[in-house]
Amino acid sequence: MTDRAKQLLHRLREIQLSDGVTAKYLEELAEPATGLETAVRDGPRVTREAIDYFSNCYLSSPQDGADWRASPALAPSFHRLPPAFVLTAGYDPLRDEGAQYAQRLRDAGVAVEYVCFDAQIHGFITMSKVVDAAAVAFDRCAGALKRAFFATT
């Protein structure tokens, strides 16, 4: 991760955790890799080799993967984080990681909406021309954003 990206992520986290913030936030993760991937198995479209490749694209070094700003599951605390929407796919090797992250947020008192599309593979949300569930998943993501940012209070 570049120094600029680290600075931006750190600043966003500071804003989210500061007292008296009235801005609306939502942490939205679709088929996430959150840093718990030690037990990831190979599956359709996702292999350990692919995970390593994509990690190398955004991390300056493998050690950066231990930084909570790159691996949010490694954060020292999950308290006072914004509500979250976490979407996973049943045949995605990252499914369990996403589900565990959602549960850790819930355990810390964070409002979480978790949905798993059991019959889908990693990346299905980008396949709306051939996978009907992709449009449903996209609508669920958009709905979560709409509720978070345009809800009347």
N, C-alpha and C. Protein backbone atom coordinates (compact mmCIF):
# COMPACT_ATOMS: atom_id res chain seq x y z
N MET A 1 0.85 -1.16 0.00
CA MET A 1 0.00 0.00 0.00
C MET A 1 0.90 1.23 0.00
N THR A 2 0.57 2.19 -0.80
CA THR A 2 1.39 3.39 -0.87
C THR A 2 1.23 4.22 0.40
N ASP A 3 2.21 5.08 0.66
CA ASP A 3 2.13 5.94 1.84
C ASP A 3 0.89 6.83 1.79
N ARG A 4 0.56 7.34 0.60
CA ARG A 4 -0.61 8.21 0.46
C ARG A 4 -1.89 7.45 0.79
N ALA A 5 -1.99 6.21 0.32
CA ALA A 5 -3.17 5.39 0.62
C ALA A 5 -3.28 5.13 2.12
N LYS A 6 -2.16 4.84 2.77
CA LYS A 6 -2.16 4.63 4.21
C LYS A 6 -2.63 5.88 4.94
N GLN A 7 -2.14 7.05 4.52
CA GLN A 7 -2.54 8.30 5.15
C GLN A 7 -4.03 8.54 5.00
N LEU A 8 -4.55 8.30 3.80
CA LEU A 8 -5.97 8.52 3.55
C LEU A 8 -6.82 7.57 4.39
N LEU A 9 -6.47 6.29 4.41
CA LEU A 9 -7.23 5.34 5.20
C LEU A 9 -7.18 5.67 6.68
N HIS A 10 -6.01 6.07 7.15
CA HIS A 10 -5.87 6.44 8.57
C HIS A 10 -6.75 7.65 8.89
N ARG A 11 -6.76 8.63 8.01
CA ARG A 11 -7.58 9.83 8.23
C ARG A 11 -9.07 9.50 8.22
N LEU A 12 -9.49 8.64 7.30
CA LEU A 12 -10.89 8.24 7.27
C LEU A 12 -11.27 7.53 8.56
N ARG A 13 -10.38 6.67 9.06
CA ARG A 13 -10.67 5.97 10.31
C ARG A 13 -10.76 6.96 11.46
N GLU A 14 -9.87 7.97 11.49
CA GLU A 14 -9.93 8.99 12.54
C GLU A 14 -11.26 9.72 12.51
N ILE A 15 -11.72 10.06 11.32
CA ILE A 15 -12.98 10.78 11.19
C ILE A 15 -14.12 9.90 11.70
N GLN A 16 -14.11 8.62 11.34
CA GLN A 16 -15.17 7.72 11.75
C GLN A 16 -15.21 7.53 13.26
N LEU A 17 -14.06 7.61 13.91
CA LEU A 17 -14.01 7.34 15.34
C LEU A 17 -14.11 8.59 16.20
N SER A 18 -14.11 9.76 15.58
CA SER A 18 -14.14 10.98 16.39
C SER A 18 -15.53 11.22 16.97
N ASP A 19 -15.57 11.83 18.13
CA ASP A 19 -16.84 12.12 18.78
C ASP A 19 -17.57 13.23 18.05
N GLY A 20 -18.89 13.14 18.05
CA GLY A 20 -19.69 14.23 17.52
C GLY A 20 -19.79 14.28 16.00
N VAL A 21 -19.30 13.28 15.31
CA VAL A 21 -19.39 13.29 13.85
C VAL A 21 -20.84 13.02 13.46
N THR A 22 -21.40 13.89 12.64
CA THR A 22 -22.78 13.72 12.23
C THR A 22 -22.91 13.18 10.81
N ALA A 23 -21.80 13.08 10.10
CA ALA A 23 -21.85 12.54 8.74
C ALA A 23 -22.30 11.09 8.79
N LYS A 24 -22.92 10.64 7.72
CA LYS A 24 -23.40 9.27 7.66
C LYS A 24 -22.35 8.41 6.97
N TYR A 25 -22.19 7.20 7.49
CA TYR A 25 -21.18 6.28 6.98
C TYR A 25 -21.79 4.90 6.79
N LEU A 26 -21.21 4.14 5.91
CA LEU A 26 -21.54 2.74 5.76
C LEU A 26 -20.29 2.04 5.25
N GLU A 27 -19.94 0.97 5.92
CA GLU A 27 -18.85 0.12 5.42
C GLU A 27 -19.52 -0.95 4.57
N GLU A 28 -19.26 -0.93 3.26
CA GLU A 28 -19.89 -1.90 2.37
C GLU A 28 -18.82 -2.77 1.75
N LEU A 29 -18.96 -4.07 1.97
CA LEU A 29 -17.98 -5.02 1.45
C LEU A 29 -18.69 -6.09 0.64
N ALA A 30 -18.31 -6.25 -0.61
CA ALA A 30 -18.85 -7.30 -1.45
C ALA A 30 -17.74 -8.30 -1.72
N GLU A 31 -17.95 -9.53 -1.28
CA GLU A 31 -16.99 -10.61 -1.44
C GLU A 31 -15.60 -10.21 -0.94
N PRO A 32 -15.54 -9.78 0.33
CA PRO A 32 -14.30 -9.16 0.83
C PRO A 32 -13.19 -10.12 1.22
N ALA A 33 -11.99 -9.64 1.05
CA ALA A 33 -10.80 -10.24 1.66
C ALA A 33 -10.44 -9.27 2.78
N THR A 34 -10.58 -9.71 4.01
CA THR A 34 -10.43 -8.79 5.14
C THR A 34 -9.18 -9.02 5.98
N GLY A 35 -8.40 -10.04 5.65
CA GLY A 35 -7.18 -10.29 6.41
C GLY A 35 -7.23 -11.53 7.26
N LEU A 36 -8.29 -12.30 7.16
CA LEU A 36 -8.38 -13.56 7.90
C LEU A 36 -8.09 -14.75 7.00
N GLU A 37 -7.48 -14.51 5.86
CA GLU A 37 -7.41 -15.49 4.79
C GLU A 37 -6.40 -16.62 4.98
N THR A 38 -5.97 -16.86 6.18
CA THR A 38 -4.97 -17.91 6.39
C THR A 38 -5.48 -19.28 5.97
N ALA A 39 -6.78 -19.52 6.05
CA ALA A 39 -7.33 -20.83 5.72
C ALA A 39 -8.08 -20.84 4.39
N VAL A 40 -7.85 -19.87 3.54
CA VAL A 40 -8.56 -19.81 2.27
C VAL A 40 -8.21 -21.01 1.41
N ARG A 41 -9.24 -21.66 0.92
CA ARG A 41 -9.07 -22.80 0.03
C ARG A 41 -9.22 -22.33 -1.41
N ASP A 42 -8.66 -23.06 -2.35
CA ASP A 42 -8.87 -22.74 -3.76
C ASP A 42 -10.33 -23.01 -4.10
N GLY A 43 -10.86 -22.21 -5.00
CA GLY A 43 -12.24 -22.39 -5.43
C GLY A 43 -12.41 -21.81 -6.82
N PRO A 44 -13.65 -21.81 -7.31
CA PRO A 44 -13.89 -21.24 -8.63
C PRO A 44 -13.46 -19.76 -8.68
N ARG A 45 -12.61 -19.43 -9.62
CA ARG A 45 -12.14 -18.07 -9.87
C ARG A 45 -11.18 -17.52 -8.83
N VAL A 46 -11.00 -18.16 -7.70
CA VAL A 46 -10.10 -17.65 -6.67
C VAL A 46 -9.18 -18.78 -6.21
N THR A 47 -7.88 -18.52 -6.31
CA THR A 47 -6.89 -19.46 -5.81
C THR A 47 -5.94 -18.71 -4.88
N ARG A 48 -5.19 -19.44 -4.12
CA ARG A 48 -4.19 -18.81 -3.25
C ARG A 48 -3.23 -17.98 -4.10
N GLU A 49 -2.88 -18.49 -5.27
CA GLU A 49 -1.99 -17.76 -6.18
C GLU A 49 -2.62 -16.44 -6.62
N ALA A 50 -3.92 -16.44 -6.91
CA ALA A 50 -4.60 -15.21 -7.32
C ALA A 50 -4.65 -14.20 -6.17
N ILE A 51 -4.93 -14.69 -4.96
CA ILE A 51 -4.96 -13.81 -3.80
C ILE A 51 -3.60 -13.16 -3.60
N ASP A 52 -2.54 -13.95 -3.72
CA ASP A 52 -1.19 -13.41 -3.58
C ASP A 52 -0.90 -12.38 -4.66
N TYR A 53 -1.32 -12.67 -5.89
CA TYR A 53 -1.10 -11.72 -6.99
C TYR A 53 -1.77 -10.38 -6.71
N PHE A 54 -3.06 -10.40 -6.36
CA PHE A 54 -3.78 -9.15 -6.12
C PHE A 54 -3.28 -8.43 -4.88
N SER A 55 -2.87 -9.18 -3.87
CA SER A 55 -2.28 -8.55 -2.69
C SER A 55 -1.01 -7.80 -3.07
N ASN A 56 -0.19 -8.41 -3.91
CA ASN A 56 1.05 -7.76 -4.35
C ASN A 56 0.79 -6.51 -5.18
N CYS A 57 -0.39 -6.42 -5.79
CA CYS A 57 -0.73 -5.22 -6.59
C CYS A 57 -0.96 -4.00 -5.72
N TYR A 58 -1.43 -4.17 -4.49
CA TYR A 58 -1.72 -2.99 -3.66
C TYR A 58 -0.90 -2.90 -2.39
N LEU A 59 -0.10 -3.88 -2.09
CA LEU A 59 0.78 -3.81 -0.92
C LEU A 59 2.21 -3.55 -1.38
N SER A 60 2.91 -2.68 -0.68
CA SER A 60 4.31 -2.43 -1.01
C SER A 60 5.19 -3.62 -0.67
N SER A 61 4.80 -4.34 0.38
CA SER A 61 5.54 -5.53 0.80
C SER A 61 4.57 -6.47 1.50
N PRO A 62 4.91 -7.75 1.61
CA PRO A 62 4.01 -8.69 2.31
C PRO A 62 3.72 -8.25 3.76
N GLN A 63 4.66 -7.56 4.38
CA GLN A 63 4.45 -7.10 5.76
C GLN A 63 3.29 -6.11 5.87
N ASP A 64 3.00 -5.37 4.79
CA ASP A 64 1.89 -4.43 4.81
C ASP A 64 0.55 -5.13 5.02
N GLY A 65 0.49 -6.41 4.69
CA GLY A 65 -0.74 -7.18 4.90
C GLY A 65 -1.11 -7.32 6.36
N ALA A 66 -0.15 -7.11 7.26
CA ALA A 66 -0.42 -7.17 8.69
C ALA A 66 -0.94 -5.85 9.25
N ASP A 67 -1.01 -4.83 8.41
CA ASP A 67 -1.52 -3.52 8.82
C ASP A 67 -3.04 -3.53 8.71
N TRP A 68 -3.73 -3.15 9.77
CA TRP A 68 -5.20 -3.18 9.78
C TRP A 68 -5.81 -2.32 8.68
N ARG A 69 -5.06 -1.33 8.18
CA ARG A 69 -5.62 -0.49 7.11
C ARG A 69 -5.67 -1.26 5.79
N ALA A 70 -4.87 -2.30 5.65
CA ALA A 70 -4.92 -3.17 4.48
C ALA A 70 -5.77 -4.42 4.76
N SER A 71 -5.80 -4.83 6.00
CA SER A 71 -6.54 -6.03 6.43
C SER A 71 -7.44 -5.64 7.60
N PRO A 72 -8.64 -5.13 7.31
CA PRO A 72 -9.48 -4.57 8.38
C PRO A 72 -9.80 -5.54 9.50
N ALA A 73 -9.76 -6.85 9.25
CA ALA A 73 -10.03 -7.81 10.32
C ALA A 73 -8.96 -7.77 11.41
N LEU A 74 -7.82 -7.17 11.11
CA LEU A 74 -6.73 -7.09 12.08
C LEU A 74 -6.77 -5.81 12.91
N ALA A 75 -7.81 -5.00 12.76
CA ALA A 75 -7.93 -3.76 13.51
C ALA A 75 -7.92 -4.06 15.01
N PRO A 76 -7.32 -3.18 15.80
CA PRO A 76 -7.26 -3.42 17.24
C PRO A 76 -8.63 -3.37 17.91
N SER A 77 -9.58 -2.70 17.28
CA SER A 77 -10.92 -2.60 17.85
C SER A 77 -11.94 -2.44 16.72
N PHE A 78 -13.12 -2.97 16.95
CA PHE A 78 -14.21 -2.83 16.00
C PHE A 78 -15.31 -1.94 16.57
N HIS A 79 -15.10 -1.43 17.76
CA HIS A 79 -16.09 -0.56 18.40
C HIS A 79 -16.15 0.78 17.68
N ARG A 80 -17.31 1.37 17.67
CA ARG A 80 -17.55 2.71 17.14
C ARG A 80 -17.32 2.80 15.62
N LEU A 81 -17.38 1.68 14.95
CA LEU A 81 -17.30 1.70 13.49
C LEU A 81 -18.69 1.94 12.92
N PRO A 82 -18.76 2.40 11.69
CA PRO A 82 -20.07 2.65 11.09
C PRO A 82 -20.79 1.34 10.81
N PRO A 83 -22.10 1.41 10.57
CA PRO A 83 -22.83 0.22 10.18
C PRO A 83 -22.18 -0.41 8.95
N ALA A 84 -22.43 -1.70 8.77
CA ALA A 84 -21.79 -2.42 7.67
C ALA A 84 -22.80 -3.25 6.89
N PHE A 85 -22.55 -3.37 5.62
CA PHE A 85 -23.26 -4.29 4.73
C PHE A 85 -22.20 -5.21 4.15
N VAL A 86 -22.32 -6.50 4.41
CA VAL A 86 -21.33 -7.47 3.94
C VAL A 86 -22.04 -8.51 3.08
N LEU A 87 -21.55 -8.67 1.86
CA LEU A 87 -22.14 -9.60 0.91
C LEU A 87 -21.10 -10.65 0.55
N THR A 88 -21.50 -11.91 0.60
CA THR A 88 -20.59 -12.99 0.22
C THR A 88 -21.29 -13.92 -0.77
N ALA A 89 -20.50 -14.82 -1.35
CA ALA A 89 -21.02 -15.83 -2.28
C ALA A 89 -20.71 -17.21 -1.71
N GLY A 90 -21.66 -18.11 -1.80
CA GLY A 90 -21.54 -19.42 -1.18
C GLY A 90 -20.37 -20.26 -1.66
N TYR A 91 -20.02 -20.13 -2.94
CA TYR A 91 -18.91 -20.93 -3.48
C TYR A 91 -17.64 -20.09 -3.61
N ASP A 92 -17.55 -19.05 -2.84
CA ASP A 92 -16.37 -18.18 -2.83
C ASP A 92 -15.45 -18.64 -1.70
N PRO A 93 -14.19 -18.90 -2.00
CA PRO A 93 -13.26 -19.28 -0.93
C PRO A 93 -13.14 -18.22 0.17
N LEU A 94 -13.55 -17.00 -0.13
CA LEU A 94 -13.49 -15.92 0.86
C LEU A 94 -14.79 -15.78 1.66
N ARG A 95 -15.77 -16.63 1.40
CA ARG A 95 -17.06 -16.53 2.09
C ARG A 95 -16.92 -16.55 3.61
N ASP A 96 -16.20 -17.53 4.13
CA ASP A 96 -16.08 -17.66 5.58
C ASP A 96 -15.40 -16.43 6.18
N GLU A 97 -14.42 -15.91 5.48
CA GLU A 97 -13.72 -14.71 5.95
C GLU A 97 -14.69 -13.53 6.06
N GLY A 98 -15.53 -13.36 5.05
CA GLY A 98 -16.52 -12.27 5.09
C GLY A 98 -17.53 -12.47 6.20
N ALA A 99 -17.99 -13.70 6.37
CA ALA A 99 -18.96 -14.00 7.42
C ALA A 99 -18.34 -13.77 8.81
N GLN A 100 -17.10 -14.18 8.99
CA GLN A 100 -16.42 -13.98 10.28
C GLN A 100 -16.23 -12.49 10.57
N TYR A 101 -15.88 -11.74 9.54
CA TYR A 101 -15.71 -10.30 9.73
C TYR A 101 -17.03 -9.66 10.15
N ALA A 102 -18.12 -10.03 9.48
CA ALA A 102 -19.43 -9.50 9.84
C ALA A 102 -19.76 -9.84 11.30
N GLN A 103 -19.45 -11.07 11.71
CA GLN A 103 -19.74 -11.47 13.08
C GLN A 103 -18.89 -10.70 14.08
N ARG A 104 -17.64 -10.46 13.76
CA ARG A 104 -16.77 -9.69 14.67
C ARG A 104 -17.29 -8.26 14.82
N LEU A 105 -17.78 -7.69 13.74
CA LEU A 105 -18.39 -6.36 13.83
C LEU A 105 -19.62 -6.41 14.74
N ARG A 106 -20.48 -7.40 14.52
CA ARG A 106 -21.69 -7.56 15.34
C ARG A 106 -21.32 -7.72 16.82
N ASP A 107 -20.31 -8.53 17.09
CA ASP A 107 -19.88 -8.76 18.47
C ASP A 107 -19.40 -7.48 19.14
N ALA A 108 -18.93 -6.53 18.32
CA ALA A 108 -18.47 -5.24 18.86
C ALA A 108 -19.61 -4.22 18.94
N GLY A 109 -20.82 -4.65 18.61
CA GLY A 109 -21.96 -3.75 18.70
C GLY A 109 -22.25 -2.95 17.44
N VAL A 110 -21.59 -3.29 16.34
CA VAL A 110 -21.81 -2.60 15.08
C VAL A 110 -23.04 -3.20 14.40
N ALA A 111 -23.90 -2.35 13.87
CA ALA A 111 -25.06 -2.82 13.11
C ALA A 111 -24.56 -3.40 11.79
N VAL A 112 -24.91 -4.65 11.52
CA VAL A 112 -24.42 -5.35 10.33
C VAL A 112 -25.59 -6.00 9.60
N GLU A 113 -25.62 -5.79 8.29
CA GLU A 113 -26.51 -6.57 7.43
C GLU A 113 -25.60 -7.50 6.63
N TYR A 114 -25.78 -8.80 6.84
CA TYR A 114 -24.96 -9.79 6.15
C TYR A 114 -25.86 -10.60 5.24
N VAL A 115 -25.44 -10.76 4.00
CA VAL A 115 -26.19 -11.58 3.05
C VAL A 115 -25.21 -12.45 2.27
N CYS A 116 -25.57 -13.73 2.15
CA CYS A 116 -24.76 -14.67 1.37
C CYS A 116 -25.61 -15.21 0.23
N PHE A 117 -25.12 -15.08 -0.98
CA PHE A 117 -25.77 -15.67 -2.14
C PHE A 117 -25.19 -17.08 -2.30
N ASP A 118 -25.87 -18.04 -1.68
CA ASP A 118 -25.34 -19.40 -1.51
C ASP A 118 -24.91 -20.09 -2.80
N ALA A 119 -25.60 -19.86 -3.88
CA ALA A 119 -25.34 -20.60 -5.11
C ALA A 119 -24.35 -19.91 -6.04
N GLN A 120 -23.65 -18.88 -5.55
CA GLN A 120 -22.80 -18.07 -6.43
C GLN A 120 -21.32 -18.26 -6.15
N ILE A 121 -20.50 -17.80 -7.12
CA ILE A 121 -19.05 -17.86 -7.02
C ILE A 121 -18.49 -16.46 -6.84
N HIS A 122 -17.23 -16.38 -6.48
CA HIS A 122 -16.56 -15.08 -6.32
C HIS A 122 -16.64 -14.29 -7.63
N GLY A 123 -17.00 -13.04 -7.51
CA GLY A 123 -17.06 -12.17 -8.67
C GLY A 123 -18.40 -12.17 -9.39
N PHE A 124 -19.37 -12.94 -8.90
CA PHE A 124 -20.65 -13.04 -9.59
C PHE A 124 -21.34 -11.69 -9.73
N ILE A 125 -21.11 -10.79 -8.79
CA ILE A 125 -21.81 -9.50 -8.81
C ILE A 125 -21.47 -8.68 -10.06
N THR A 126 -20.38 -9.02 -10.71
CA THR A 126 -20.00 -8.30 -11.94
C THR A 126 -20.52 -8.99 -13.20
N MET A 127 -21.31 -10.04 -13.03
CA MET A 127 -21.75 -10.85 -14.18
C MET A 127 -23.24 -10.70 -14.47
N SER A 128 -23.78 -9.50 -14.34
CA SER A 128 -25.23 -9.32 -14.44
C SER A 128 -25.81 -9.68 -15.80
N LYS A 129 -25.00 -9.73 -16.85
CA LYS A 129 -25.52 -10.10 -18.17
C LYS A 129 -25.79 -11.59 -18.29
N VAL A 130 -25.18 -12.38 -17.40
CA VAL A 130 -25.36 -13.83 -17.48
C VAL A 130 -25.82 -14.47 -16.16
N VAL A 131 -25.75 -13.75 -15.07
CA VAL A 131 -26.14 -14.29 -13.76
C VAL A 131 -27.22 -13.39 -13.16
N ASP A 132 -28.45 -13.88 -13.12
CA ASP A 132 -29.57 -13.08 -12.62
C ASP A 132 -29.35 -12.60 -11.19
N ALA A 133 -28.72 -13.43 -10.37
CA ALA A 133 -28.49 -13.05 -8.97
C ALA A 133 -27.58 -11.84 -8.84
N ALA A 134 -26.78 -11.56 -9.86
CA ALA A 134 -25.88 -10.40 -9.80
C ALA A 134 -26.67 -9.10 -9.69
N ALA A 135 -27.75 -8.99 -10.45
CA ALA A 135 -28.57 -7.79 -10.40
C ALA A 135 -29.23 -7.66 -9.03
N VAL A 136 -29.66 -8.77 -8.47
CA VAL A 136 -30.26 -8.75 -7.13
C VAL A 136 -29.22 -8.30 -6.11
N ALA A 137 -28.01 -8.84 -6.20
CA ALA A 137 -26.93 -8.48 -5.27
C ALA A 137 -26.58 -7.00 -5.41
N PHE A 138 -26.50 -6.53 -6.64
CA PHE A 138 -26.20 -5.12 -6.88
C PHE A 138 -27.29 -4.24 -6.27
N ASP A 139 -28.55 -4.64 -6.45
CA ASP A 139 -29.65 -3.87 -5.86
C ASP A 139 -29.59 -3.89 -4.34
N ARG A 140 -29.17 -5.00 -3.76
CA ARG A 140 -29.04 -5.05 -2.29
C ARG A 140 -27.96 -4.09 -1.81
N CYS A 141 -26.82 -4.05 -2.54
CA CYS A 141 -25.74 -3.12 -2.21
C CYS A 141 -26.23 -1.68 -2.33
N ALA A 142 -26.89 -1.38 -3.43
CA ALA A 142 -27.39 -0.01 -3.64
C ALA A 142 -28.43 0.35 -2.59
N GLY A 143 -29.28 -0.60 -2.23
CA GLY A 143 -30.28 -0.35 -1.20
C GLY A 143 -29.65 -0.03 0.15
N ALA A 144 -28.58 -0.73 0.49
CA ALA A 144 -27.88 -0.46 1.75
C ALA A 144 -27.30 0.95 1.75
N LEU A 145 -26.72 1.34 0.63
CA LEU A 145 -26.19 2.71 0.52
C LEU A 145 -27.30 3.74 0.63
N LYS A 146 -28.39 3.49 -0.05
CA LYS A 146 -29.52 4.43 -0.01
C LYS A 146 -30.04 4.58 1.41
N ARG A 147 -30.21 3.46 2.12
CA ARG A 147 -30.69 3.53 3.50
C ARG A 147 -29.72 4.28 4.39
N ALA A 148 -28.43 4.06 4.16
CA ALA A 148 -27.41 4.70 5.01
C ALA A 148 -27.33 6.21 4.78
N PHE A 149 -27.39 6.62 3.53
CA PHE A 149 -27.14 8.02 3.21
C PHE A 149 -28.37 8.87 3.04
N PHE A 150 -29.52 8.25 2.82
CA PHE A 150 -30.71 9.04 2.57
C PHE A 150 -31.85 8.76 3.52
N ALA A 151 -31.55 8.05 4.59
CA ALA A 151 -32.59 7.76 5.58
C ALA A 151 -32.97 9.04 6.29
N THR A 152 -34.25 9.17 6.56
CA THR A 152 -34.71 10.35 7.31
C THR A 152 -34.61 10.04 8.78
N THR A 153 -34.15 11.01 9.53
CA THR A 153 -34.01 10.78 10.98
C THR A 153 -34.87 11.72 11.75
